[in-house]
Amino acid sequence: MDSVAVAYAEQARQFDGSIDEQVTQTDDSTATRYLPPGGAGGYQGEVYAVDTDSGDDYLYYVLLND
């Protein structure tokens, strides 16, 4: 799941630089937020990968264009 999320984050990269990553864990899931470099006057993306213990995984991809 994470490799797919990183690939989407790479697509959403507007500028050079590292993709920020933030991981949040609960008792039954892990959510990772990937924030590629971008900003005003172009586009900004965010990718969320959610891995649950039940086996269901989710990917949320947001890309905003100015």
C-alpha atoms as a PDB file:
ATOM      1  CA  MET A   1       0.000   0.000   0.000  1.00  0.00           C
ATOM      2  CA  ASP A   2       2.741   2.465   0.914  1.00  0.00           C
ATOM      3  CA  SER A   3       4.548   2.019  -2.412  1.00  0.00           C
ATOM      4  CA  VAL A   4       1.331   2.877  -4.272  1.00  0.00           C
ATOM      5  CA  ALA A   5       0.749   5.936  -2.065  1.00  0.00           C
ATOM      6  CA  VAL A   6       4.327   7.138  -2.629  1.00  0.00           C
ATOM      7  CA  ALA A   7       3.889   6.749  -6.402  1.00  0.00           C
ATOM      8  CA  TYR A   8       0.793   8.973  -6.288  1.00  0.00           C
ATOM      9  CA  ALA A   9       2.648  11.486  -4.112  1.00  0.00           C
ATOM     10  CA  GLU A  10       5.454  11.574  -6.697  1.00  0.00           C
ATOM     11  CA  GLN A  11       2.857  12.431  -9.367  1.00  0.00           C
ATOM     12  CA  ALA A  12       1.612  15.309  -7.213  1.00  0.00           C
ATOM     13  CA  ARG A  13       5.097  16.813  -6.744  1.00  0.00           C
ATOM     14  CA  GLN A  14       5.319  20.360  -8.118  1.00  0.00           C
ATOM     15  CA  PHE A  15       8.747  21.318  -6.762  1.00  0.00           C
ATOM     16  CA  ASP A  16      11.988  19.530  -5.954  1.00  0.00           C
ATOM     17  CA  GLY A  17      12.361  18.391  -2.385  1.00  0.00           C
ATOM     18  CA  SER A  18      11.376  15.599  -0.099  1.00  0.00           C
ATOM     19  CA  ILE A  19       7.873  14.303   0.442  1.00  0.00           C
ATOM     20  CA  ASP A  20       6.805  14.900   4.038  1.00  0.00           C
ATOM     21  CA  GLU A  21       5.410  11.832   5.746  1.00  0.00           C
ATOM     22  CA  GLN A  22       3.306  11.672   8.917  1.00  0.00           C
ATOM     23  CA  VAL A  23       2.203   8.376  10.481  1.00  0.00           C
ATOM     24  CA  THR A  24      -0.692   8.004  12.914  1.00  0.00           C
ATOM     25  CA  GLN A  25      -1.508   4.695  14.583  1.00  0.00           C
ATOM     26  CA  THR A  26      -4.576   3.471  16.434  1.00  0.00           C
ATOM     27  CA  ASP A  27      -5.340   0.077  17.952  1.00  0.00           C
ATOM     28  CA  ASP A  28      -6.550  -1.326  14.630  1.00  0.00           C
ATOM     29  CA  SER A  29      -5.105   0.831  11.844  1.00  0.00           C
ATOM     30  CA  THR A  30      -2.178   2.863  10.581  1.00  0.00           C
ATOM     31  CA  ALA A  31      -2.728   6.023   8.545  1.00  0.00           C
ATOM     32  CA  THR A  32       0.129   7.650   6.653  1.00  0.00           C
ATOM     33  CA  ARG A  33      -0.109  11.128   5.132  1.00  0.00           C
ATOM     34  CA  TYR A  34       2.227  12.004   2.257  1.00  0.00           C
ATOM     35  CA  LEU A  35       2.620  15.681   1.421  1.00  0.00           C
ATOM     36  CA  PRO A  36       4.711  16.395  -1.695  1.00  0.00           C
ATOM     37  CA  PRO A  37       6.205  19.855  -2.259  1.00  0.00           C
ATOM     38  CA  GLY A  38       3.766  22.151  -4.040  1.00  0.00           C
ATOM     39  CA  GLY A  39       1.940  25.381  -3.506  1.00  0.00           C
ATOM     40  CA  ALA A  40       0.092  28.411  -4.774  1.00  0.00           C
ATOM     41  CA  GLY A  41       0.293  29.218  -8.448  1.00  0.00           C
ATOM     42  CA  GLY A  42       0.405  25.574  -9.433  1.00  0.00           C
ATOM     43  CA  TYR A  43      -0.885  22.574  -7.608  1.00  0.00           C
ATOM     44  CA  GLN A  44      -0.790  20.956  -4.191  1.00  0.00           C
ATOM     45  CA  GLY A  45      -1.410  17.290  -3.476  1.00  0.00           C
ATOM     46  CA  GLU A  46      -1.981  15.082  -0.462  1.00  0.00           C
ATOM     47  CA  VAL A  47      -2.084  11.306  -0.324  1.00  0.00           C
ATOM     48  CA  TYR A  48      -3.388   9.256   2.595  1.00  0.00           C
ATOM     49  CA  ALA A  49      -2.805   5.516   2.935  1.00  0.00           C
ATOM     50  CA  VAL A  50      -4.878   3.694   5.563  1.00  0.00           C
ATOM     51  CA  ASP A  51      -3.890   0.140   6.494  1.00  0.00           C
ATOM     52  CA  THR A  52      -6.386  -1.626   8.747  1.00  0.00           C
ATOM     53  CA  ASP A  53      -6.006  -4.859  10.698  1.00  0.00           C
ATOM     54  CA  SER A  54      -9.222  -6.149   9.103  1.00  0.00           C
ATOM     55  CA  GLY A  55      -7.397  -6.418   5.779  1.00  0.00           C
ATOM     56  CA  ASP A  56      -9.182  -3.527   4.062  1.00  0.00           C
ATOM     57  CA  ASP A  57      -6.800  -0.827   2.867  1.00  0.00           C
ATOM     58  CA  TYR A  58      -7.746   2.622   1.616  1.00  0.00           C
ATOM     59  CA  LEU A  59      -6.003   5.254  -0.472  1.00  0.00           C
ATOM     60  CA  TYR A  60      -7.186   8.872  -0.622  1.00  0.00           C
ATOM     61  CA  TYR A  61      -5.625  11.176  -3.208  1.00  0.00           C
ATOM     62  CA  VAL A  62      -6.354  14.915  -3.365  1.00  0.00           C
ATOM     63  CA  LEU A  63      -4.852  17.210  -6.001  1.00  0.00           C
ATOM     64  CA  LEU A  64      -5.777  20.899  -6.050  1.00  0.00           C
ATOM     65  CA  ASN A  65      -4.910  23.151  -9.001  1.00  0.00           C
ATOM     66  CA  ASP A  66      -4.622  26.955  -8.914  1.00  0.00           C
END
